[in-house]
Amino acid sequence: MCDSSFNISETAWCPGCGDFDIISSLKEALETLGKKPHEVLVVGGIGQAAKTPQYINTNGFCGLHGRALPPAVAAKIVNSRLTVIVNTGDGDSYGEGGNHFIHNIRRNVDITHFVHNNQIYGLTKGQASPTTDISHITDIQTAGTIHEPLNPVLLAIAAGAGFVARAFSGDTKHLTSIMIEAIKYRGYSLVDILQPCVSFNKVNTFQWYSKRVYKLDESHDVTDRLKAMEKAMEWGERIPIGILYKKDKPVFNDKIEFLKDNQVLIEKEFHMEKVKSYLKDFV
């Protein structure tokens, strides 16, 4: 872990968990960007990944299962000076939080969404998650999972997200670089981070991912949405990591008159009737 002002040493993660590399990369990214702890808000829901706000020295908020995005979005809307980062797991974001995931892509509030994707429910002891591969045997799915796994990066691109990337916790240098680009992006950014769960997923191990991931190079046009979707659908023997898609889009605050100046909302003076008239098209 990097020696930084963001450090909190004690955690309750299992030795070998990919979450250690992810939080180390996050701290490194924030240091590289010159962020200070008071300038950052880290939000989580419920789960092993969602414990991240407890293990990093920033403003933090731990919410309900699947409900990390609403408070993160609200915090950014009322205080645009904050760098708002959501850290949740594949179950928290894509299962219980699936509805928030889809509709906050549509809102395009300027937050960064890091999903620790270990393809299993880690905190609740190893049942299949939305991203668990078909036929994967767990203590609950004893005959193997029968559902097709969700492809979150494909869904995000199709739903209109402006920044979509995939990374691997085992390559921290690359992961850090992707995190930096995601945080710098103005708008909603998703980074789906593949990581091993050493306790409950004995299939998608560090070695399993290491043999399959490959980095996208400059030949990949990140502005080509169809090509990005093609890359997003690569899964199996080869799995691309890197920025899949990137496009500048108007953010939520740009669309509302009294938020355009990005002044902290509690510092503004405005008439409530004007606020109601501005919001009438959004309710």
Protein backbone atom coordinates (compact mmCIF):
# COMPACT_ATOMS: atom_id res chain seq x y z
CA MET A 1 0.00 0.00 0.00
CA CYS A 2 1.27 3.49 -0.80
CA ASP A 3 2.57 5.72 2.00
CA SER A 4 0.05 8.53 1.81
CA SER A 5 -2.32 10.76 3.74
CA PHE A 6 -5.14 8.47 2.60
CA ASN A 7 -3.88 5.47 4.59
CA ILE A 8 -5.86 3.60 7.21
CA SER A 9 -3.96 0.40 7.92
CA GLU A 10 -6.45 -1.97 9.55
CA THR A 11 -8.87 -3.94 7.36
CA ALA A 12 -10.99 -7.08 7.69
CA TRP A 13 -10.40 -8.44 4.18
CA CYS A 14 -9.09 -11.96 3.68
CA PRO A 15 -5.34 -12.25 2.96
CA GLY A 16 -4.89 -12.35 -0.82
CA CYS A 17 -8.15 -10.53 -1.60
CA GLY A 18 -8.06 -8.33 -4.69
CA ASP A 19 -9.56 -5.50 -2.65
CA PHE A 20 -6.10 -4.75 -1.20
CA ASP A 21 -4.69 -4.00 -4.65
CA ILE A 22 -7.75 -1.96 -5.56
CA ILE A 23 -7.59 0.29 -2.51
CA SER A 24 -3.83 0.68 -2.94
CA SER A 25 -4.35 1.76 -6.54
CA LEU A 26 -7.12 4.15 -5.50
CA LYS A 27 -4.84 5.84 -2.97
CA GLU A 28 -2.09 6.07 -5.56
CA ALA A 29 -4.50 7.59 -8.10
CA LEU A 30 -5.72 10.21 -5.63
CA GLU A 31 -2.14 11.11 -4.68
CA THR A 32 -1.15 11.41 -8.34
CA LEU A 33 -4.10 13.71 -9.01
CA GLY A 34 -3.07 15.90 -6.08
CA LYS A 35 -6.29 15.31 -4.15
CA LYS A 36 -6.49 15.96 -0.41
CA PRO A 37 -8.55 13.75 1.93
CA HIS A 38 -11.09 16.50 2.65
CA GLU A 39 -11.69 16.96 -1.10
CA VAL A 40 -12.78 13.35 -1.62
CA LEU A 41 -15.93 11.43 -0.72
CA VAL A 42 -15.83 7.62 -0.94
CA VAL A 43 -19.24 5.95 -0.88
CA GLY A 44 -20.10 2.28 -0.43
CA GLY A 45 -23.17 0.12 0.00
CA ILE A 46 -22.95 -3.31 1.65
CA GLY A 47 -20.35 -5.96 0.92
CA GLN A 48 -16.62 -6.55 1.13
CA ALA A 49 -15.84 -3.97 -1.57
CA ALA A 50 -18.30 -1.55 0.03
CA LYS A 51 -16.16 -1.50 3.19
CA THR A 52 -13.69 0.69 1.30
CA PRO A 53 -14.95 3.97 2.88
CA GLN A 54 -13.99 2.53 6.27
CA TYR A 55 -10.43 1.80 5.14
CA ILE A 56 -9.39 5.05 3.49
CA ASN A 57 -8.82 8.46 5.07
CA THR A 58 -11.40 10.56 3.21
CA ASN A 59 -14.96 11.66 3.75
CA GLY A 60 -16.95 8.44 3.75
CA PHE A 61 -20.52 7.20 3.55
CA CYS A 62 -21.70 3.60 3.96
CA GLY A 63 -25.26 3.06 2.81
CA LEU A 64 -27.68 0.20 2.31
CA HIS A 65 -27.23 -2.83 0.07
CA GLY A 66 -27.40 -1.67 -3.54
CA ARG A 67 -27.94 1.94 -2.53
CA ALA A 68 -24.49 3.47 -2.87
CA LEU A 69 -25.25 5.50 -6.00
CA PRO A 70 -28.15 7.68 -4.71
CA PRO A 71 -26.20 9.33 -1.84
CA ALA A 72 -23.12 9.65 -4.05
CA VAL A 73 -25.13 11.41 -6.74
CA ALA A 74 -26.86 13.66 -4.20
CA ALA A 75 -23.54 14.66 -2.62
CA LYS A 76 -22.04 15.61 -5.99
CA ILE A 77 -25.09 17.60 -7.06
CA VAL A 78 -25.08 19.75 -3.91
CA ASN A 79 -21.28 20.03 -3.67
CA SER A 80 -19.60 19.93 -7.06
CA ARG A 81 -16.21 20.60 -5.44
CA LEU A 82 -16.11 17.08 -4.05
CA THR A 83 -14.46 14.25 -5.94
CA VAL A 84 -17.08 11.54 -5.43
CA ILE A 85 -16.05 7.91 -5.81
CA VAL A 86 -18.29 4.88 -5.36
CA ASN A 87 -16.71 1.56 -4.39
CA THR A 88 -19.04 -1.43 -4.42
CA GLY A 89 -19.12 -5.07 -5.46
CA ASP A 90 -20.75 -6.87 -8.36
CA GLY A 91 -23.67 -7.99 -6.19
CA ASP A 92 -24.14 -4.57 -4.60
CA SER A 93 -24.00 -2.61 -7.88
CA TYR A 94 -25.39 -5.00 -10.48
CA GLY A 95 -27.82 -7.01 -8.32
CA GLU A 96 -29.55 -5.02 -5.59
CA GLY A 97 -28.33 -1.77 -7.14
CA GLY A 98 -29.05 -2.61 -10.75
CA ASN A 99 -31.86 -0.08 -11.16
CA HIS A 100 -29.72 2.74 -9.74
CA PHE A 101 -26.84 1.64 -11.98
CA ILE A 102 -28.93 1.98 -15.16
CA HIS A 103 -30.69 5.24 -14.34
CA ASN A 104 -27.63 7.05 -13.01
CA ILE A 105 -26.00 6.37 -16.35
CA ARG A 106 -28.90 8.32 -17.84
CA ARG A 107 -28.51 11.19 -15.34
CA ASN A 108 -24.76 11.44 -16.00
CA VAL A 109 -23.83 13.04 -12.69
CA ASP A 110 -20.07 13.60 -12.42
CA ILE A 111 -19.14 10.65 -10.19
CA THR A 112 -16.73 7.73 -10.55
CA HIS A 113 -18.01 4.19 -10.03
CA PHE A 114 -15.48 1.45 -9.23
CA VAL A 115 -17.03 -2.01 -9.08
CA HIS A 116 -14.92 -4.75 -7.44
CA ASN A 117 -16.10 -7.67 -9.57
CA ASN A 118 -15.13 -11.05 -8.12
CA GLN A 119 -18.09 -12.83 -9.73
CA ILE A 120 -19.43 -14.00 -6.37
CA TYR A 121 -21.14 -12.69 -3.22
CA GLY A 122 -18.20 -12.49 -0.81
CA LEU A 123 -19.71 -10.97 2.35
CA THR A 124 -22.67 -13.35 2.40
CA LYS A 125 -20.52 -16.43 1.93
CA GLY A 126 -20.31 -17.37 -1.70
CA GLN A 127 -23.63 -17.56 -3.51
CA ALA A 128 -23.79 -16.69 -7.22
CA SER A 129 -23.81 -12.99 -8.11
CA PRO A 130 -25.15 -11.35 -11.29
CA THR A 131 -21.73 -11.81 -12.96
CA THR A 132 -21.12 -15.44 -11.96
CA ASP A 133 -20.37 -17.56 -15.03
CA ILE A 134 -22.96 -20.14 -16.08
CA SER A 135 -22.54 -23.64 -14.56
CA HIS A 136 -20.44 -22.27 -11.68
CA ILE A 137 -21.07 -24.47 -8.61
CA THR A 138 -21.53 -22.81 -5.23
CA ASP A 139 -22.85 -23.95 -1.85
CA ILE A 140 -26.23 -22.52 -2.86
CA GLN A 141 -26.19 -23.32 -6.59
CA THR A 142 -25.11 -26.93 -5.99
CA ALA A 143 -25.97 -28.03 -9.54
CA GLY A 144 -24.30 -24.96 -11.04
CA THR A 145 -25.73 -21.56 -11.95
CA ILE A 146 -28.35 -21.67 -14.68
CA HIS A 147 -28.58 -17.97 -15.48
CA GLU A 148 -26.56 -16.15 -18.12
CA PRO A 149 -24.12 -13.74 -16.42
CA LEU A 150 -24.69 -10.01 -16.72
CA ASN A 151 -22.19 -8.15 -18.86
CA PRO A 152 -21.95 -4.82 -17.00
CA VAL A 153 -19.61 -3.02 -19.40
CA LEU A 154 -21.75 -3.95 -22.39
CA LEU A 155 -24.86 -2.80 -20.54
CA ALA A 156 -23.21 0.50 -19.56
CA ILE A 157 -22.12 1.27 -23.13
CA ALA A 158 -25.54 0.35 -24.51
CA ALA A 159 -27.29 2.47 -21.86
CA GLY A 160 -25.27 5.55 -22.85
CA ALA A 161 -22.43 5.81 -20.33
CA GLY A 162 -19.72 8.18 -21.52
CA PHE A 163 -16.77 6.42 -19.88
CA VAL A 164 -16.60 2.64 -19.55
CA ALA A 165 -13.48 0.65 -18.69
CA ARG A 166 -12.42 -2.73 -17.40
CA ALA A 167 -9.35 -3.38 -15.27
CA PHE A 168 -7.69 -6.19 -13.31
CA SER A 169 -6.61 -5.91 -9.68
CA GLY A 170 -3.51 -7.99 -10.44
CA ASP A 171 -2.03 -5.23 -12.62
CA THR A 172 -1.93 -2.32 -10.21
CA LYS A 173 0.04 0.02 -12.45
CA HIS A 174 -2.52 -0.33 -15.23
CA LEU A 175 -5.41 -0.19 -12.75
CA THR A 176 -4.09 3.04 -11.26
CA SER A 177 -3.81 4.63 -14.69
CA ILE A 178 -7.41 3.67 -15.52
CA MET A 179 -8.62 5.02 -12.17
CA ILE A 180 -6.89 8.34 -12.85
CA GLU A 181 -8.57 8.68 -16.25
CA ALA A 182 -11.96 7.72 -14.78
CA ILE A 183 -11.71 10.29 -11.98
CA LYS A 184 -10.60 13.00 -14.43
CA TYR A 185 -13.53 12.28 -16.76
CA ARG A 186 -16.36 14.81 -16.38
CA GLY A 187 -19.48 12.72 -16.06
CA TYR A 188 -20.45 9.26 -14.87
CA SER A 189 -17.56 6.84 -15.30
CA LEU A 190 -17.64 3.07 -14.72
CA VAL A 191 -14.61 0.89 -14.12
CA ASP A 192 -15.43 -2.81 -13.74
CA ILE A 193 -12.45 -4.26 -11.85
CA LEU A 194 -11.87 -7.99 -12.13
CA GLN A 195 -10.50 -9.40 -8.90
CA PRO A 196 -10.13 -12.79 -7.19
CA CYS A 197 -12.17 -13.82 -4.15
CA VAL A 198 -9.76 -16.22 -2.48
CA SER A 199 -12.34 -17.55 -0.02
CA PHE A 200 -15.42 -18.27 -2.13
CA ASN A 201 -14.52 -18.28 -5.81
CA LYS A 202 -12.10 -21.10 -6.61
CA VAL A 203 -12.69 -20.81 -10.37
CA ASN A 204 -12.00 -17.17 -11.27
CA THR A 205 -8.69 -17.02 -9.45
CA PHE A 206 -5.74 -14.66 -9.84
CA GLN A 207 -4.17 -17.20 -12.20
CA TRP A 208 -7.42 -17.57 -14.18
CA TYR A 209 -7.61 -13.83 -14.84
CA SER A 210 -3.87 -13.47 -15.44
CA LYS A 211 -3.95 -16.01 -18.27
CA ARG A 212 -6.82 -14.25 -20.04
CA VAL A 213 -6.58 -10.48 -19.65
CA TYR A 214 -4.85 -8.38 -22.28
CA LYS A 215 -4.45 -4.62 -22.52
CA LEU A 216 -6.16 -2.63 -25.23
CA ASP A 217 -3.62 -0.62 -27.22
CA GLU A 218 -3.82 2.55 -29.29
CA SER A 219 -5.36 0.64 -32.19
CA HIS A 220 -8.63 0.51 -30.23
CA ASP A 221 -10.73 3.59 -30.99
CA VAL A 222 -12.36 4.49 -27.67
CA THR A 223 -14.81 6.82 -29.46
CA ASP A 224 -16.26 4.01 -31.60
CA ARG A 225 -19.29 2.78 -29.68
CA LEU A 226 -19.89 -0.33 -31.79
CA LYS A 227 -16.24 -1.39 -31.55
CA ALA A 228 -16.41 -0.79 -27.81
CA MET A 229 -19.43 -3.07 -27.56
CA GLU A 230 -17.58 -5.74 -29.53
CA LYS A 231 -14.68 -5.56 -27.09
CA ALA A 232 -17.10 -5.61 -24.17
CA MET A 233 -18.47 -8.93 -25.43
CA GLU A 234 -15.05 -10.61 -25.44
CA TRP A 235 -15.07 -13.04 -22.54
CA GLY A 236 -13.52 -16.45 -22.15
CA GLU A 237 -10.06 -17.21 -23.46
CA ARG A 238 -9.30 -13.51 -23.92
CA ILE A 239 -10.59 -10.60 -21.86
CA PRO A 240 -9.68 -7.02 -22.83
CA ILE A 241 -8.81 -4.50 -20.11
CA GLY A 242 -8.49 -0.77 -20.54
CA ILE A 243 -10.79 2.05 -21.62
CA LEU A 244 -13.48 0.52 -23.81
CA TYR A 245 -15.44 3.66 -24.56
CA LYS A 246 -15.08 7.39 -23.92
CA LYS A 247 -17.21 10.26 -25.12
CA ASP A 248 -17.77 13.75 -23.71
CA LYS A 249 -21.39 14.41 -22.77
CA PRO A 250 -23.28 17.15 -20.89
CA VAL A 251 -23.41 16.34 -17.20
CA PHE A 252 -26.47 16.62 -14.97
CA ASN A 253 -25.53 20.03 -13.54
CA ASP A 254 -25.20 21.51 -17.04
CA LYS A 255 -28.86 20.80 -17.70
CA ILE A 256 -30.26 22.70 -14.71
CA GLU A 257 -30.04 26.47 -14.65
CA PHE A 258 -29.28 27.02 -10.96
CA LEU A 259 -26.57 24.32 -10.94
CA LYS A 260 -24.67 25.43 -14.05
CA ASP A 261 -22.18 27.60 -12.17
CA ASN A 262 -21.15 24.59 -10.01
CA GLN A 263 -21.33 26.65 -6.85
CA VAL A 264 -21.87 24.64 -3.67
CA LEU A 265 -25.63 24.48 -3.36
CA ILE A 266 -25.86 25.35 0.33
CA GLU A 267 -23.95 28.56 -0.39
CA LYS A 268 -26.38 29.73 -3.05
CA GLU A 269 -29.29 32.10 -2.63
CA PHE A 270 -32.27 31.26 -4.76
CA HIS A 271 -36.04 31.45 -4.72
CA MET A 272 -37.85 28.16 -4.24
CA GLU A 273 -40.39 28.93 -6.95
CA LYS A 274 -37.55 29.22 -9.46
CA VAL A 275 -36.16 25.91 -8.31
CA LYS A 276 -39.55 24.26 -8.82
CA SER A 277 -39.84 25.69 -12.31
CA TYR A 278 -36.35 24.47 -13.23
CA LEU A 279 -37.08 20.98 -11.95
CA LYS A 280 -40.53 20.51 -13.48
CA ASP A 281 -39.12 18.70 -16.49
CA PHE A 282 -37.10 16.28 -14.33
CA VAL A 283 -39.87 14.89 -12.10
